[in-house]
PDB file of all heavy atoms in Angstrom:
ATOM      1  N   GLY A   1     -27.017 -15.318  -4.391  1.00  0.00           N
ATOM      2  CA  GLY A   1     -28.284 -14.635  -4.550  1.00  0.00           C
ATOM      3  C   GLY A   1     -29.013 -14.270  -3.273  1.00  0.00           C
ATOM      4  O   GLY A   1     -29.643 -13.231  -3.194  1.00  0.00           O
ATOM      5  N   ASN A   2     -28.938 -15.079  -2.241  1.00  0.00           N
ATOM      6  CA  ASN A   2     -29.725 -14.844  -1.034  1.00  0.00           C
ATOM      7  C   ASN A   2     -28.908 -14.365   0.157  1.00  0.00           C
ATOM      8  O   ASN A   2     -29.370 -14.420   1.281  1.00  0.00           O
ATOM      9  CB  ASN A   2     -30.464 -16.130  -0.639  1.00  0.00           C
ATOM     10  CG  ASN A   2     -31.476 -16.527  -1.680  1.00  0.00           C
ATOM     11  OD1 ASN A   2     -32.050 -15.674  -2.349  1.00  0.00           O
ATOM     12  ND2 ASN A   2     -31.685 -17.814  -1.841  1.00  0.00           N
ATOM     13  N   LEU A   3     -27.680 -13.909  -0.061  1.00  0.00           N
ATOM     14  CA  LEU A   3     -26.855 -13.453   1.050  1.00  0.00           C
ATOM     15  C   LEU A   3     -27.141 -11.995   1.364  1.00  0.00           C
ATOM     16  O   LEU A   3     -27.182 -11.149   0.480  1.00  0.00           O
ATOM     17  CB  LEU A   3     -25.370 -13.598   0.725  1.00  0.00           C
ATOM     18  CG  LEU A   3     -24.816 -15.010   0.669  1.00  0.00           C
ATOM     19  CD1 LEU A   3     -23.340 -14.982   0.342  1.00  0.00           C
ATOM     20  CD2 LEU A   3     -25.045 -15.744   1.964  1.00  0.00           C
ATOM     21  N   GLY A   4     -27.318 -11.711   2.622  1.00  0.00           N
ATOM     22  CA  GLY A   4     -27.516 -10.338   3.069  1.00  0.00           C
ATOM     23  C   GLY A   4     -26.247  -9.804   3.712  1.00  0.00           C
ATOM     24  O   GLY A   4     -25.201 -10.469   3.730  1.00  0.00           O
ATOM     25  N   MET A   5     -26.336  -8.601   4.258  1.00  0.00           N
ATOM     26  CA  MET A   5     -25.168  -7.976   4.874  1.00  0.00           C
ATOM     27  C   MET A   5     -24.696  -8.748   6.101  1.00  0.00           C
ATOM     28  O   MET A   5     -23.495  -8.854   6.345  1.00  0.00           O
ATOM     29  CB  MET A   5     -25.485  -6.522   5.257  1.00  0.00           C
ATOM     30  CG  MET A   5     -25.464  -5.580   4.090  1.00  0.00           C
ATOM     31  SD  MET A   5     -23.914  -5.600   3.185  1.00  0.00           S
ATOM     32  CE  MET A   5     -22.830  -4.835   4.359  1.00  0.00           C
ATOM     33  N   GLY A   6     -25.612  -9.301   6.868  1.00  0.00           N
ATOM     34  CA  GLY A   6     -25.224 -10.074   8.052  1.00  0.00           C
ATOM     35  C   GLY A   6     -24.404 -11.301   7.691  1.00  0.00           C
ATOM     36  O   GLY A   6     -23.372 -11.581   8.314  1.00  0.00           O
ATOM     37  N   GLU A   7     -24.846 -12.015   6.685  1.00  0.00           N
ATOM     38  CA  GLU A   7     -24.132 -13.207   6.259  1.00  0.00           C
ATOM     39  C   GLU A   7     -22.752 -12.858   5.694  1.00  0.00           C
ATOM     40  O   GLU A   7     -21.762 -13.541   5.960  1.00  0.00           O
ATOM     41  CB  GLU A   7     -24.935 -13.982   5.207  1.00  0.00           C
ATOM     42  CG  GLU A   7     -26.169 -14.661   5.755  1.00  0.00           C
ATOM     43  CD  GLU A   7     -27.396 -13.768   5.741  1.00  0.00           C
ATOM     44  OE1 GLU A   7     -27.287 -12.589   5.357  1.00  0.00           O
ATOM     45  OE2 GLU A   7     -28.474 -14.249   6.126  1.00  0.00           O
ATOM     46  N   LEU A   8     -22.699 -11.773   4.899  1.00  0.00           N
ATOM     47  CA  LEU A   8     -21.410 -11.355   4.342  1.00  0.00           C
ATOM     48  C   LEU A   8     -20.446 -10.933   5.446  1.00  0.00           C
ATOM     49  O   LEU A   8     -19.241 -11.219   5.373  1.00  0.00           O
ATOM     50  CB  LEU A   8     -21.603 -10.214   3.347  1.00  0.00           C
ATOM     51  CG  LEU A   8     -22.270 -10.597   2.024  1.00  0.00           C
ATOM     52  CD1 LEU A   8     -22.509  -9.361   1.173  1.00  0.00           C
ATOM     53  CD2 LEU A   8     -21.429 -11.605   1.271  1.00  0.00           C
ATOM     54  N   LEU A   9     -20.945 -10.277   6.460  1.00  0.00           N
ATOM     55  CA  LEU A   9     -20.116  -9.859   7.582  1.00  0.00           C
ATOM     56  C   LEU A   9     -19.562 -11.074   8.329  1.00  0.00           C
ATOM     57  O   LEU A   9     -18.379 -11.109   8.687  1.00  0.00           O
ATOM     58  CB  LEU A   9     -20.919  -8.972   8.533  1.00  0.00           C
ATOM     59  CG  LEU A   9     -20.167  -8.359   9.690  1.00  0.00           C
ATOM     60  CD1 LEU A   9     -19.077  -7.437   9.184  1.00  0.00           C
ATOM     61  CD2 LEU A   9     -21.119  -7.595  10.578  1.00  0.00           C
ATOM     62  N   ILE A  10     -20.381 -12.079   8.531  1.00  0.00           N
ATOM     63  CA  ILE A  10     -19.933 -13.298   9.198  1.00  0.00           C
ATOM     64  C   ILE A  10     -18.877 -14.010   8.363  1.00  0.00           C
ATOM     65  O   ILE A  10     -17.856 -14.471   8.891  1.00  0.00           O
ATOM     66  CB  ILE A  10     -21.129 -14.229   9.499  1.00  0.00           C
ATOM     67  CG1 ILE A  10     -22.006 -13.595  10.585  1.00  0.00           C
ATOM     68  CG2 ILE A  10     -20.650 -15.612   9.935  1.00  0.00           C
ATOM     69  CD1 ILE A  10     -23.306 -14.319  10.828  1.00  0.00           C
ATOM     70  N   ILE A  11     -19.072 -14.086   7.062  1.00  0.00           N
ATOM     71  CA  ILE A  11     -18.093 -14.730   6.178  1.00  0.00           C
ATOM     72  C   ILE A  11     -16.764 -13.985   6.229  1.00  0.00           C
ATOM     73  O   ILE A  11     -15.696 -14.592   6.324  1.00  0.00           O
ATOM     74  CB  ILE A  11     -18.642 -14.812   4.746  1.00  0.00           C
ATOM     75  CG1 ILE A  11     -19.798 -15.812   4.687  1.00  0.00           C
ATOM     76  CG2 ILE A  11     -17.539 -15.208   3.760  1.00  0.00           C
ATOM     77  CD1 ILE A  11     -20.562 -15.800   3.389  1.00  0.00           C
ATOM     78  N   CYS A  12     -16.812 -12.647   6.182  1.00  0.00           N
ATOM     79  CA  CYS A  12     -15.584 -11.846   6.255  1.00  0.00           C
ATOM     80  C   CYS A  12     -14.868 -12.058   7.581  1.00  0.00           C
ATOM     81  O   CYS A  12     -13.639 -12.146   7.625  1.00  0.00           O
ATOM     82  CB  CYS A  12     -15.895 -10.373   6.042  1.00  0.00           C
ATOM     83  SG  CYS A  12     -16.388  -9.969   4.370  1.00  0.00           S
ATOM     84  N   LEU A  13     -15.614 -12.151   8.665  1.00  0.00           N
ATOM     85  CA  LEU A  13     -15.028 -12.383   9.976  1.00  0.00           C
ATOM     86  C   LEU A  13     -14.352 -13.749  10.039  1.00  0.00           C
ATOM     87  O   LEU A  13     -13.242 -13.883  10.571  1.00  0.00           O
ATOM     88  CB  LEU A  13     -16.102 -12.266  11.060  1.00  0.00           C
ATOM     89  CG  LEU A  13     -15.643 -12.429  12.493  1.00  0.00           C
ATOM     90  CD1 LEU A  13     -14.660 -11.329  12.857  1.00  0.00           C
ATOM     91  CD2 LEU A  13     -16.822 -12.414  13.424  1.00  0.00           C
ATOM     92  N   ILE A  14     -14.985 -14.757   9.487  1.00  0.00           N
ATOM     93  CA  ILE A  14     -14.394 -16.105   9.471  1.00  0.00           C
ATOM     94  C   ILE A  14     -13.111 -16.118   8.649  1.00  0.00           C
ATOM     95  O   ILE A  14     -12.099 -16.699   9.059  1.00  0.00           O
ATOM     96  CB  ILE A  14     -15.419 -17.135   8.955  1.00  0.00           C
ATOM     97  CG1 ILE A  14     -16.542 -17.315   9.976  1.00  0.00           C
ATOM     98  CG2 ILE A  14     -14.746 -18.468   8.656  1.00  0.00           C
ATOM     99  CD1 ILE A  14     -17.704 -18.142   9.484  1.00  0.00           C
ATOM    100  N   VAL A  15     -13.124 -15.464   7.492  1.00  0.00           N
ATOM    101  CA  VAL A  15     -11.922 -15.398   6.659  1.00  0.00           C
ATOM    102  C   VAL A  15     -10.804 -14.680   7.406  1.00  0.00           C
ATOM    103  O   VAL A  15      -9.649 -15.106   7.380  1.00  0.00           O
ATOM    104  CB  VAL A  15     -12.228 -14.698   5.313  1.00  0.00           C
ATOM    105  CG1 VAL A  15     -10.962 -14.362   4.558  1.00  0.00           C
ATOM    106  CG2 VAL A  15     -13.135 -15.571   4.463  1.00  0.00           C
ATOM    107  N   LEU A  16     -11.146 -13.605   8.095  1.00  0.00           N
ATOM    108  CA  LEU A  16     -10.150 -12.866   8.874  1.00  0.00           C
ATOM    109  C   LEU A  16      -9.561 -13.737   9.976  1.00  0.00           C
ATOM    110  O   LEU A  16      -8.347 -13.730  10.207  1.00  0.00           O
ATOM    111  CB  LEU A  16     -10.786 -11.610   9.471  1.00  0.00           C
ATOM    112  CG  LEU A  16      -9.870 -10.701  10.272  1.00  0.00           C
ATOM    113  CD1 LEU A  16      -8.769 -10.146   9.382  1.00  0.00           C
ATOM    114  CD2 LEU A  16     -10.670  -9.566  10.886  1.00  0.00           C
ATOM    115  N   LEU A  17     -10.393 -14.509  10.635  1.00  0.00           N
ATOM    116  CA  LEU A  17      -9.906 -15.389  11.700  1.00  0.00           C
ATOM    117  C   LEU A  17      -9.041 -16.523  11.153  1.00  0.00           C
ATOM    118  O   LEU A  17      -8.049 -16.913  11.768  1.00  0.00           O
ATOM    119  CB  LEU A  17     -11.072 -15.962  12.501  1.00  0.00           C
ATOM    120  CG  LEU A  17     -11.824 -14.973  13.389  1.00  0.00           C
ATOM    121  CD1 LEU A  17     -13.052 -15.644  13.987  1.00  0.00           C
ATOM    122  CD2 LEU A  17     -10.917 -14.421  14.467  1.00  0.00           C
ATOM    123  N   LEU A  18      -9.413 -17.067   9.996  1.00  0.00           N
ATOM    124  CA  LEU A  18      -8.661 -18.182   9.427  1.00  0.00           C
ATOM    125  C   LEU A  18      -7.299 -17.754   8.895  1.00  0.00           C
ATOM    126  O   LEU A  18      -6.300 -18.447   9.093  1.00  0.00           O
ATOM    127  CB  LEU A  18      -9.463 -18.849   8.307  1.00  0.00           C
ATOM    128  CG  LEU A  18     -10.668 -19.675   8.732  1.00  0.00           C
ATOM    129  CD1 LEU A  18     -11.415 -20.185   7.508  1.00  0.00           C
ATOM    130  CD2 LEU A  18     -10.226 -20.842   9.592  1.00  0.00           C
ATOM    131  N   PHE A  19      -7.252 -16.636   8.167  1.00  0.00           N
ATOM    132  CA  PHE A  19      -6.018 -16.252   7.490  1.00  0.00           C
ATOM    133  C   PHE A  19      -5.226 -15.186   8.226  1.00  0.00           C
ATOM    134  O   PHE A  19      -4.046 -15.014   7.981  1.00  0.00           O
ATOM    135  CB  PHE A  19      -6.334 -15.766   6.073  1.00  0.00           C
ATOM    136  CG  PHE A  19      -6.865 -16.854   5.186  1.00  0.00           C
ATOM    137  CD1 PHE A  19      -8.192 -16.865   4.815  1.00  0.00           C
ATOM    138  CD2 PHE A  19      -6.042 -17.864   4.744  1.00  0.00           C
ATOM    139  CE1 PHE A  19      -8.689 -17.863   4.000  1.00  0.00           C
ATOM    140  CE2 PHE A  19      -6.517 -18.872   3.935  1.00  0.00           C
ATOM    141  CZ  PHE A  19      -7.856 -18.869   3.566  1.00  0.00           C
ATOM    142  N   GLY A  20      -5.839 -14.448   9.104  1.00  0.00           N
ATOM    143  CA  GLY A  20      -5.135 -13.388   9.811  1.00  0.00           C
ATOM    144  C   GLY A  20      -5.067 -12.116   8.990  1.00  0.00           C
ATOM    145  O   GLY A  20      -5.178 -12.128   7.766  1.00  0.00           O
ATOM    146  N   GLY A  21      -4.886 -11.009   9.664  1.00  0.00           N
ATOM    147  CA  GLY A  21      -4.885  -9.705   9.012  1.00  0.00           C
ATOM    148  C   GLY A  21      -3.720  -9.488   8.061  1.00  0.00           C
ATOM    149  O   GLY A  21      -3.823  -8.746   7.094  1.00  0.00           O
ATOM    150  N   LYS A  22      -2.587 -10.129   8.316  1.00  0.00           N
ATOM    151  CA  LYS A  22      -1.419  -9.925   7.471  1.00  0.00           C
ATOM    152  C   LYS A  22      -1.471 -10.753   6.191  1.00  0.00           C
ATOM    153  O   LYS A  22      -0.865 -10.388   5.189  1.00  0.00           O
ATOM    154  CB  LYS A  22      -0.146 -10.256   8.242  1.00  0.00           C
ATOM    155  CG  LYS A  22       0.110  -9.297   9.382  1.00  0.00           C
ATOM    156  CD  LYS A  22       1.402  -9.611  10.086  1.00  0.00           C
ATOM    157  CE  LYS A  22       1.619  -8.622  11.218  1.00  0.00           C
ATOM    158  NZ  LYS A  22       2.877  -8.868  11.912  1.00  0.00           N
ATOM    159  N   LYS A  23      -2.163 -11.845   6.213  1.00  0.00           N
ATOM    160  CA  LYS A  23      -2.194 -12.742   5.056  1.00  0.00           C
ATOM    161  C   LYS A  23      -3.223 -12.315   4.007  1.00  0.00           C
ATOM    162  O   LYS A  23      -3.049 -12.583   2.819  1.00  0.00           O
ATOM    163  CB  LYS A  23      -2.506 -14.162   5.542  1.00  0.00           C
ATOM    164  CG  LYS A  23      -2.293 -15.222   4.538  1.00  0.00           C
ATOM    165  CD  LYS A  23      -0.831 -15.417   4.260  1.00  0.00           C
ATOM    166  CE  LYS A  23      -0.617 -16.608   3.364  1.00  0.00           C
ATOM    167  NZ  LYS A  23       0.754 -16.761   2.958  1.00  0.00           N
ATOM    168  N   ILE A  24      -4.285 -11.628   4.410  1.00  0.00           N
ATOM    169  CA  ILE A  24      -5.362 -11.254   3.485  1.00  0.00           C
ATOM    170  C   ILE A  24      -4.873 -10.334   2.368  1.00  0.00           C
ATOM    171  O   ILE A  24      -5.205 -10.574   1.207  1.00  0.00           O
ATOM    172  CB  ILE A  24      -6.553 -10.657   4.255  1.00  0.00           C
ATOM    173  CG1 ILE A  24      -7.209 -11.768   5.068  1.00  0.00           C
ATOM    174  CG2 ILE A  24      -7.566 -10.037   3.305  1.00  0.00           C
ATOM    175  CD1 ILE A  24      -8.313 -11.307   5.971  1.00  0.00           C
ATOM    176  N   PRO A  25      -4.065  -9.283   2.640  1.00  0.00           N
ATOM    177  CA  PRO A  25      -3.579  -8.464   1.520  1.00  0.00           C
ATOM    178  C   PRO A  25      -2.752  -9.258   0.502  1.00  0.00           C
ATOM    179  O   PRO A  25      -2.831  -9.009  -0.699  1.00  0.00           O
ATOM    180  CB  PRO A  25      -2.720  -7.394   2.201  1.00  0.00           C
ATOM    181  CG  PRO A  25      -3.267  -7.292   3.570  1.00  0.00           C
ATOM    182  CD  PRO A  25      -3.709  -8.680   3.918  1.00  0.00           C
ATOM    183  N   GLU A  26      -1.975 -10.224   0.994  1.00  0.00           N
ATOM    184  CA  GLU A  26      -1.204 -11.070   0.083  1.00  0.00           C
ATOM    185  C   GLU A  26      -2.134 -11.905  -0.800  1.00  0.00           C
ATOM    186  O   GLU A  26      -1.887 -12.065  -1.997  1.00  0.00           O
ATOM    187  CB  GLU A  26      -0.281 -11.989   0.867  1.00  0.00           C
ATOM    188  CG  GLU A  26       0.813 -11.275   1.625  1.00  0.00           C
ATOM    189  CD  GLU A  26       1.617 -12.222   2.491  1.00  0.00           C
ATOM    190  OE1 GLU A  26       1.604 -13.439   2.235  1.00  0.00           O
ATOM    191  OE2 GLU A  26       2.265 -11.733   3.430  1.00  0.00           O
ATOM    192  N   LEU A  27      -3.197 -12.431  -0.219  1.00  0.00           N
ATOM    193  CA  LEU A  27      -4.160 -13.218  -0.988  1.00  0.00           C
ATOM    194  C   LEU A  27      -4.845 -12.357  -2.052  1.00  0.00           C
ATOM    195  O   LEU A  27      -5.004 -12.773  -3.196  1.00  0.00           O
ATOM    196  CB  LEU A  27      -5.212 -13.831  -0.066  1.00  0.00           C
ATOM    197  CG  LEU A  27      -4.736 -14.904   0.901  1.00  0.00           C
ATOM    198  CD1 LEU A  27      -5.835 -15.243   1.894  1.00  0.00           C
ATOM    199  CD2 LEU A  27      -4.309 -16.130   0.146  1.00  0.00           C
ATOM    200  N   MET A  28      -5.232 -11.143  -1.676  1.00  0.00           N
ATOM    201  CA  MET A  28      -5.903 -10.250  -2.625  1.00  0.00           C
ATOM    202  C   MET A  28      -4.953  -9.806  -3.736  1.00  0.00           C
ATOM    203  O   MET A  28      -5.347  -9.672  -4.887  1.00  0.00           O
ATOM    204  CB  MET A  28      -6.468  -9.027  -1.902  1.00  0.00           C
ATOM    205  CG  MET A  28      -7.594  -9.354  -0.935  1.00  0.00           C
ATOM    206  SD  MET A  28      -9.004 -10.080  -1.773  1.00  0.00           S
ATOM    207  CE  MET A  28      -8.985 -11.729  -1.118  1.00  0.00           C
ATOM    208  N   ARG A  29      -3.695  -9.583  -3.388  1.00  0.00           N
ATOM    209  CA  ARG A  29      -2.698  -9.201  -4.389  1.00  0.00           C
ATOM    210  C   ARG A  29      -2.516 -10.330  -5.403  1.00  0.00           C
ATOM    211  O   ARG A  29      -2.463 -10.108  -6.614  1.00  0.00           O
ATOM    212  CB  ARG A  29      -1.374  -8.881  -3.697  1.00  0.00           C
ATOM    213  CG  ARG A  29      -0.387  -8.157  -4.562  1.00  0.00           C
ATOM    214  CD  ARG A  29       0.844  -7.712  -3.760  1.00  0.00           C
ATOM    215  NE  ARG A  29       0.472  -6.855  -2.632  1.00  0.00           N
ATOM    216  CZ  ARG A  29       0.712  -7.146  -1.352  1.00  0.00           C
ATOM    217  NH1 ARG A  29       1.318  -8.272  -1.035  1.00  0.00           N
ATOM    218  NH2 ARG A  29       0.350  -6.319  -0.397  1.00  0.00           N
ATOM    219  N   GLY A  30      -2.428 -11.562  -4.925  1.00  0.00           N
ATOM    220  CA  GLY A  30      -2.308 -12.713  -5.819  1.00  0.00           C
ATOM    221  C   GLY A  30      -3.538 -12.874  -6.698  1.00  0.00           C
ATOM    222  O   GLY A  30      -3.419 -13.191  -7.882  1.00  0.00           O
ATOM    223  N   LEU A  31      -4.706 -12.641  -6.131  1.00  0.00           N
ATOM    224  CA  LEU A  31      -5.941 -12.720  -6.900  1.00  0.00           C
ATOM    225  C   LEU A  31      -5.957 -11.652  -7.991  1.00  0.00           C
ATOM    226  O   LEU A  31      -6.333 -11.920  -9.132  1.00  0.00           O
ATOM    227  CB  LEU A  31      -7.146 -12.559  -5.978  1.00  0.00           C
ATOM    228  CG  LEU A  31      -8.519 -12.655  -6.618  1.00  0.00           C
ATOM    229  CD1 LEU A  31      -8.737 -14.047  -7.181  1.00  0.00           C
ATOM    230  CD2 LEU A  31      -9.586 -12.312  -5.609  1.00  0.00           C
ATOM    231  N   GLY A  32      -5.521 -10.442  -7.651  1.00  0.00           N
ATOM    232  CA  GLY A  32      -5.463  -9.357  -8.629  1.00  0.00           C
ATOM    233  C   GLY A  32      -4.505  -9.668  -9.765  1.00  0.00           C
ATOM    234  O   GLY A  32      -4.793  -9.400 -10.932  1.00  0.00           O
ATOM    235  N   LYS A  33      -3.350 -10.258  -9.439  1.00  0.00           N
ATOM    236  CA  LYS A  33      -2.389 -10.632 -10.481  1.00  0.00           C
ATOM    237  C   LYS A  33      -2.976 -11.702 -11.397  1.00  0.00           C
ATOM    238  O   LYS A  33      -2.773 -11.674 -12.606  1.00  0.00           O
ATOM    239  CB  LYS A  33      -1.092 -11.136  -9.856  1.00  0.00           C
ATOM    240  CG  LYS A  33      -0.254 -10.038  -9.262  1.00  0.00           C
ATOM    241  CD  LYS A  33       1.019 -10.593  -8.659  1.00  0.00           C
ATOM    242  CE  LYS A  33       1.851  -9.501  -8.019  1.00  0.00           C
ATOM    243  NZ  LYS A  33       3.084 -10.038  -7.424  1.00  0.00           N
ATOM    244  N   GLY A  34      -3.704 -12.634 -10.829  1.00  0.00           N
ATOM    245  CA  GLY A  34      -4.329 -13.680 -11.640  1.00  0.00           C
ATOM    246  C   GLY A  34      -5.382 -13.122 -12.582  1.00  0.00           C
ATOM    247  O   GLY A  34      -5.450 -13.505 -13.744  1.00  0.00           O
ATOM    248  N   VAL A  35      -6.201 -12.198 -12.090  1.00  0.00           N
ATOM    249  CA  VAL A  35      -7.229 -11.578 -12.928  1.00  0.00           C
ATOM    250  C   VAL A  35      -6.575 -10.764 -14.037  1.00  0.00           C
ATOM    251  O   VAL A  35      -7.004 -10.799 -15.189  1.00  0.00           O
ATOM    252  CB  VAL A  35      -8.171 -10.698 -12.071  1.00  0.00           C
ATOM    253  CG1 VAL A  35      -9.067  -9.850 -12.940  1.00  0.00           C
ATOM    254  CG2 VAL A  35      -8.996 -11.567 -11.148  1.00  0.00           C
TER     255      VAL A  35
END
C-alpha cells in the first residue's frame, strides 16, 4: 500500500543484483506456468 516508484525501483535493482539478468526470465516463466 505505501510503496512508491523509488521503493519499487530499489526492490527491482536488488532482485536484479541477487539473481542476475539471465535468471530473472526463467523465474518469471516459472511463475507464469504456475499461475
